[in-house]
Protein backbone atom coordinates (compact mmCIF):
# COMPACT_ATOMS: atom_id res chain seq x y z
CA UNK A 1 10.99 -184.07 -15.98
CA UNK A 2 11.45 -183.54 -19.69
CA UNK A 3 11.70 -185.53 -22.87
CA UNK A 4 15.50 -185.74 -22.92
CA UNK A 5 15.73 -186.94 -19.36
CA UNK A 6 13.08 -189.57 -20.04
CA UNK A 7 15.01 -190.71 -23.10
CA UNK A 8 18.25 -190.92 -21.11
CA UNK A 9 16.62 -192.96 -18.39
CA UNK A 10 15.11 -195.34 -20.88
CA UNK A 11 18.29 -195.61 -22.92
CA UNK A 12 20.82 -195.91 -20.16
CA UNK A 13 19.19 -196.88 -17.52
CA UNK A 14 28.09 -158.61 -9.30
CA UNK A 15 27.58 -159.82 -5.83
CA UNK A 16 30.58 -157.48 -5.32
CA UNK A 17 32.90 -155.73 -7.71
CA UNK A 18 35.90 -156.97 -5.76
CA UNK A 19 35.07 -160.59 -6.56
CA UNK A 20 37.62 -162.36 -8.73
CA UNK A 21 35.85 -163.57 -11.87
CA UNK A 22 37.29 -166.47 -13.88
CA UNK A 23 38.62 -165.32 -17.24
CA UNK A 24 36.47 -165.92 -20.28
CA UNK A 25 37.88 -169.02 -21.93
CA UNK A 26 35.53 -169.54 -24.86
CA UNK A 27 37.43 -169.88 -28.14
CA UNK A 28 36.14 -166.82 -30.01
CA UNK A 29 38.80 -167.06 -32.69
CA UNK A 30 37.69 -170.47 -33.89
CA UNK A 31 34.04 -169.90 -33.00
CA UNK A 32 33.63 -173.31 -31.39
CA UNK A 33 29.86 -173.46 -31.36
CA UNK A 34 28.52 -176.68 -29.85
CA UNK A 35 25.39 -178.75 -30.43
CA UNK A 36 23.53 -180.96 -27.96
CA UNK A 37 22.96 -184.03 -30.10
CA UNK A 38 19.54 -184.63 -28.58
CA UNK A 39 18.43 -182.07 -31.15
CA UNK A 40 18.93 -184.78 -33.80
CA UNK A 41 17.46 -187.63 -31.75
CA UNK A 42 15.25 -188.95 -34.56
CA UNK A 43 18.08 -189.31 -37.07
CA UNK A 44 21.15 -190.25 -35.02
CA UNK A 45 20.17 -193.87 -34.33
CA UNK A 46 19.46 -194.43 -38.03
CA UNK A 47 22.81 -193.25 -39.42
CA UNK A 48 25.20 -191.82 -36.86
CA UNK A 49 28.05 -191.42 -39.38
CA UNK A 50 26.05 -189.27 -41.79
CA UNK A 51 24.45 -187.19 -39.05
CA UNK A 52 27.78 -186.37 -37.39
CA UNK A 53 29.20 -185.40 -40.78
CA UNK A 54 26.26 -183.04 -41.36
CA UNK A 55 26.71 -181.48 -37.91
CA UNK A 56 30.27 -180.56 -38.85
CA UNK A 57 29.15 -179.26 -42.25
CA UNK A 58 26.57 -177.06 -40.51
CA UNK A 59 29.45 -175.21 -38.82
CA UNK A 60 29.70 -176.86 -35.41
CA UNK A 61 33.01 -177.66 -33.74
CA UNK A 62 31.77 -179.35 -30.57
CA UNK A 63 28.96 -181.67 -29.58
CA UNK A 64 27.39 -182.79 -26.33
CA UNK A 65 26.33 -186.42 -26.14
CA UNK A 66 23.30 -188.08 -24.56
CA UNK A 67 21.82 -191.57 -24.48
CA UNK A 68 24.93 -193.67 -23.82
CA UNK A 69 23.59 -197.20 -23.33
CA UNK A 70 24.85 -200.76 -23.31
CA UNK A 71 28.40 -199.54 -23.73
CA UNK A 72 27.76 -197.65 -26.94
CA UNK A 73 26.89 -194.29 -28.49
CA UNK A 74 24.34 -195.09 -31.18
CA UNK A 75 25.92 -198.43 -32.00
CA UNK A 76 29.52 -197.26 -31.67
CA UNK A 77 31.92 -197.99 -28.85
CA UNK A 78 33.39 -194.89 -27.15
CA UNK A 79 36.65 -195.45 -29.07
CA UNK A 80 34.78 -195.69 -32.38
CA UNK A 81 32.63 -192.68 -31.63
CA UNK A 82 35.65 -190.57 -30.71
CA UNK A 83 37.30 -191.57 -33.99
CA UNK A 84 34.16 -190.49 -35.87
CA UNK A 85 34.19 -187.12 -34.15
CA UNK A 86 37.89 -186.60 -34.87
CA UNK A 87 37.40 -187.51 -38.53
CA UNK A 88 34.89 -184.65 -38.76
CA UNK A 89 36.89 -182.11 -36.77
CA UNK A 90 34.61 -182.37 -33.73
CA UNK A 91 35.15 -182.71 -29.99
CA UNK A 92 32.76 -183.72 -27.22
CA UNK A 93 33.69 -181.77 -24.09
CA UNK A 94 30.46 -182.75 -22.31
CA UNK A 95 27.91 -185.51 -22.23
CA UNK A 96 24.56 -185.96 -20.48
CA UNK A 97 24.15 -188.82 -18.02
CA UNK A 98 21.93 -189.77 -15.07
CA UNK A 99 22.65 -190.58 -11.44
CA UNK A 100 19.28 -191.94 -10.33
CA UNK A 101 20.63 -195.32 -9.19
CA UNK A 102 23.19 -193.60 -7.00
CA UNK A 103 20.56 -191.26 -5.55
CA UNK A 104 18.32 -194.22 -4.77
CA UNK A 105 20.72 -196.60 -3.06
CA UNK A 106 24.26 -195.26 -3.41
CA UNK A 107 25.18 -197.74 -6.14
CA UNK A 108 28.08 -196.40 -8.22
CA UNK A 109 28.38 -199.19 -10.79
CA UNK A 110 26.46 -197.36 -13.52
CA UNK A 111 28.22 -194.10 -12.72
CA UNK A 112 31.60 -195.77 -13.18
CA UNK A 113 30.60 -197.10 -16.59
CA UNK A 114 29.32 -193.68 -17.69
CA UNK A 115 32.33 -191.82 -16.33
CA UNK A 116 34.64 -194.20 -18.17
CA UNK A 117 32.72 -193.56 -21.40
CA UNK A 118 32.98 -189.81 -20.88
CA UNK A 119 36.75 -189.99 -20.45
CA UNK A 120 37.14 -192.38 -23.39
CA UNK A 121 35.67 -189.88 -25.86
CA UNK A 122 37.86 -187.06 -24.54
CA UNK A 123 35.25 -185.40 -22.34
CA UNK A 124 35.93 -182.63 -19.88
CA UNK A 125 32.57 -182.52 -18.09
CA UNK A 126 30.40 -185.28 -16.69
CA UNK A 127 27.02 -183.59 -16.84
CA UNK A 128 23.89 -184.75 -15.05
CA UNK A 129 20.82 -184.00 -17.17
CA UNK A 130 18.34 -183.44 -14.38
CA UNK A 131 18.57 -185.35 -11.09
CA UNK A 132 15.84 -187.06 -9.11
CA UNK A 133 14.58 -185.00 -6.18
CA UNK A 134 12.21 -186.17 -3.46
CA UNK A 135 9.90 -183.17 -3.75
CA UNK A 136 7.70 -184.56 -0.96
CA UNK A 137 10.47 -183.41 1.38
CA UNK A 138 10.37 -179.85 0.04
CA UNK A 139 13.62 -177.96 0.24
CA UNK A 140 15.21 -180.84 2.18
CA UNK A 141 14.85 -182.96 -0.92
CA UNK A 142 17.03 -180.53 -2.83
CA UNK A 143 19.55 -180.48 0.01
CA UNK A 144 19.88 -184.25 -0.20
CA UNK A 145 20.45 -184.05 -3.95
CA UNK A 146 23.06 -181.32 -3.43
CA UNK A 147 24.89 -183.72 -1.10
CA UNK A 148 24.77 -186.35 -3.81
CA UNK A 149 26.22 -183.87 -6.32
CA UNK A 150 29.26 -183.38 -4.11
CA UNK A 151 29.78 -187.15 -3.88
CA UNK A 152 29.41 -187.81 -7.60
CA UNK A 153 31.64 -184.83 -8.34
CA UNK A 154 34.40 -186.50 -6.33
CA UNK A 155 34.06 -189.63 -8.45
CA UNK A 156 34.26 -187.53 -11.60
CA UNK A 157 37.29 -185.65 -10.30
CA UNK A 158 39.10 -188.90 -9.57
CA UNK A 159 38.63 -189.81 -13.23
CA UNK A 160 39.93 -186.46 -14.44
CA UNK A 161 36.51 -184.98 -15.20
CA UNK A 162 34.56 -182.01 -13.93
CA UNK A 163 31.01 -182.47 -12.70
CA UNK A 164 28.18 -180.29 -13.99
CA UNK A 165 24.42 -180.14 -13.50
CA UNK A 166 21.92 -179.17 -16.20
CA UNK A 167 18.72 -177.45 -15.01
CA UNK A 168 15.16 -177.39 -16.25
CA UNK A 169 12.46 -175.17 -14.72
CA UNK A 170 11.28 -177.08 -11.64
CA UNK A 171 14.44 -176.14 -9.72
CA UNK A 172 13.24 -172.52 -9.64
CA UNK A 173 10.07 -173.22 -7.66
CA UNK A 174 9.98 -171.00 -4.59
CA UNK A 175 10.31 -172.43 -1.08
CA UNK A 176 9.88 -169.33 1.06
CA UNK A 177 12.68 -166.99 0.01
CA UNK A 178 14.80 -169.62 -1.72
CA UNK A 179 14.64 -172.17 -4.54
CA UNK A 180 16.02 -175.61 -5.17
CA UNK A 181 18.52 -174.11 -7.59
CA UNK A 182 19.78 -171.72 -4.90
CA UNK A 183 20.28 -174.74 -2.66
CA UNK A 184 22.28 -176.51 -5.34
CA UNK A 185 24.53 -173.49 -5.82
CA UNK A 186 24.97 -172.60 -2.15
CA UNK A 187 25.33 -176.11 -0.68
CA UNK A 188 27.70 -177.67 -3.19
CA UNK A 189 31.47 -177.36 -3.29
CA UNK A 190 32.22 -174.66 -5.85
CA UNK A 191 35.57 -176.30 -6.51
CA UNK A 192 33.83 -179.53 -7.52
CA UNK A 193 30.32 -178.77 -8.75
CA UNK A 194 29.72 -176.75 -11.91
CA UNK A 195 26.49 -175.83 -13.66
CA UNK A 196 25.35 -175.99 -17.24
CA UNK A 197 22.78 -173.22 -17.38
CA UNK A 198 19.90 -173.88 -19.74
CA UNK A 199 19.05 -170.31 -20.70
CA UNK A 200 15.66 -171.21 -22.14
CA UNK A 201 14.44 -172.89 -18.97
CA UNK A 202 15.72 -170.00 -16.83
CA UNK A 203 13.78 -167.47 -18.89
CA UNK A 204 10.76 -169.77 -19.22
CA UNK A 205 10.57 -170.05 -15.43
CA UNK A 206 10.45 -166.25 -15.12
CA UNK A 207 14.04 -165.78 -14.02
CA UNK A 208 16.96 -163.73 -15.34
CA UNK A 209 20.24 -165.42 -16.36
CA UNK A 210 22.12 -162.16 -15.72
CA UNK A 211 20.91 -162.09 -12.12
CA UNK A 212 22.23 -165.63 -11.64
CA UNK A 213 25.60 -164.64 -13.11
CA UNK A 214 25.86 -161.76 -10.65
CA UNK A 215 24.76 -163.83 -7.66
CA UNK A 216 26.95 -166.82 -8.48
CA UNK A 217 29.84 -165.55 -10.64
CA UNK A 218 31.94 -168.15 -12.36
CA UNK A 219 29.68 -171.12 -11.59
CA UNK A 220 28.33 -171.59 -15.13
CA UNK A 221 31.10 -172.85 -17.42
CA UNK A 222 28.54 -174.25 -19.86
CA UNK A 223 25.25 -173.03 -21.32
CA UNK A 224 22.41 -174.46 -23.34
CA UNK A 225 21.38 -171.95 -25.99
CA UNK A 226 17.87 -172.43 -27.36
CA UNK A 227 15.37 -169.76 -28.26
CA UNK A 228 11.74 -169.37 -27.19
CA UNK A 229 9.01 -169.18 -29.80
CA UNK A 230 7.39 -165.74 -29.75
CA UNK A 231 3.81 -167.01 -29.86
CA UNK A 232 4.11 -170.35 -28.05
CA UNK A 233 6.73 -170.14 -25.28
CA UNK A 234 6.49 -173.88 -24.70
CA UNK A 235 8.12 -174.30 -28.11
CA UNK A 236 11.74 -173.76 -29.11
CA UNK A 237 12.77 -172.04 -32.29
CA UNK A 238 16.05 -171.33 -34.05
CA UNK A 239 18.41 -169.02 -32.14
CA UNK A 240 17.72 -165.47 -33.27
CA UNK A 241 14.14 -166.16 -34.33
CA UNK A 242 12.62 -166.16 -30.85
CA UNK A 243 12.03 -163.89 -27.87
CA UNK A 244 15.19 -164.42 -25.79
CA UNK A 245 17.61 -161.49 -25.95
CA UNK A 246 20.87 -163.40 -26.25
CA UNK A 247 23.17 -160.45 -26.96
CA UNK A 248 22.98 -159.15 -23.38
CA UNK A 249 23.54 -162.67 -22.06
CA UNK A 250 26.61 -163.34 -24.21
CA UNK A 251 27.97 -159.93 -23.20
CA UNK A 252 28.27 -161.29 -19.64
CA UNK A 253 30.03 -164.52 -20.55
CA UNK A 254 33.07 -163.52 -18.46
CA UNK A 255 30.96 -163.09 -15.37
CA UNK A 256 29.26 -166.42 -15.96
CA UNK A 257 32.54 -168.26 -16.46
CA UNK A 258 31.27 -169.74 -19.71
CA UNK A 259 33.74 -171.93 -21.61
CA UNK A 260 31.41 -174.01 -23.79
CA UNK A 261 27.85 -173.67 -24.99
CA UNK A 262 25.55 -175.97 -26.89
CA UNK A 263 22.64 -175.17 -29.17
CA UNK A 264 19.62 -177.37 -28.52
CA UNK A 265 16.21 -177.68 -30.12
CA UNK A 266 14.24 -179.65 -27.56
CA UNK A 267 10.63 -179.11 -28.62
CA UNK A 268 8.63 -178.17 -31.71
CA UNK A 269 10.90 -180.43 -33.68
CA UNK A 270 11.49 -179.17 -37.21
CA UNK A 271 10.92 -181.14 -40.44
CA UNK A 272 14.42 -180.05 -41.52
CA UNK A 273 16.56 -180.45 -38.39
CA UNK A 274 19.91 -179.99 -40.17
CA UNK A 275 18.68 -176.75 -41.75
CA UNK A 276 17.44 -175.67 -38.33
CA UNK A 277 20.76 -176.22 -36.56
CA UNK A 278 22.61 -174.42 -39.38
CA UNK A 279 20.31 -171.39 -39.00
CA UNK A 280 21.12 -171.24 -35.28
CA UNK A 281 24.85 -171.69 -35.82
CA UNK A 282 25.02 -169.03 -38.54
CA UNK A 283 23.16 -166.52 -36.37
CA UNK A 284 25.40 -167.12 -33.36
CA UNK A 285 28.61 -166.74 -35.37
CA UNK A 286 27.35 -163.57 -37.06
CA UNK A 287 25.79 -161.86 -34.06
CA UNK A 288 26.86 -163.25 -30.69
CA UNK A 289 30.52 -164.31 -30.70
């Protein structure tokens, strides 16, 4: 589906003006910009302590994890990793996990381990980084996955977490007058299932994040913020250097329900990744929040 999801699998195996919109809860005062740690995937396994320290020095206040495997985050137990974050003034409100085993045979053993890890590091959201869909079944495949979301969301709720789903672009393929993403939003319990909207993949697929906010207000408490290279749209670039007009998107954060967002550099990996994430963070603080 994409490089991050492959890594995770290998590692862990205004619809109406009268609508009540959730209040904007992002911490503008402290400018709590987040970073999806997959951006630093080459360096994290080599020296997690130094990398996390540099993330904080680059201006970030939150991170989103990925790749939890064999009971550890890059060699650290959840307790040790949380202590490392706290020592650097960081929090991890969300982490990326998979639910393929559950989708295949209903087995919840791996989910329980991952959910426990998410709670142990002080997480708020248990986020699925792209779920398996039986596309041979067309739109019915997405309906089955939506059912699974509701079930996994109940497990997360029982552990004190909120469930969220992170999109790519395949969910926006048309099936008549609907898409898989519309199915996810319309056939899941809005009190249980949240969405982490990857703004790059929405734009890359030819869709408009603002239209999604209006159609499904309050359903997107988290975003992924990554810019699109102006000459090669398949590449990411630092936020503010690409073609995505983020100011209009951030202006509708209330409508979206956004509470956290995470910078990510998923492709066209830079030779200076720390410099890259600092450029994005500086631009966001100066221009968007």
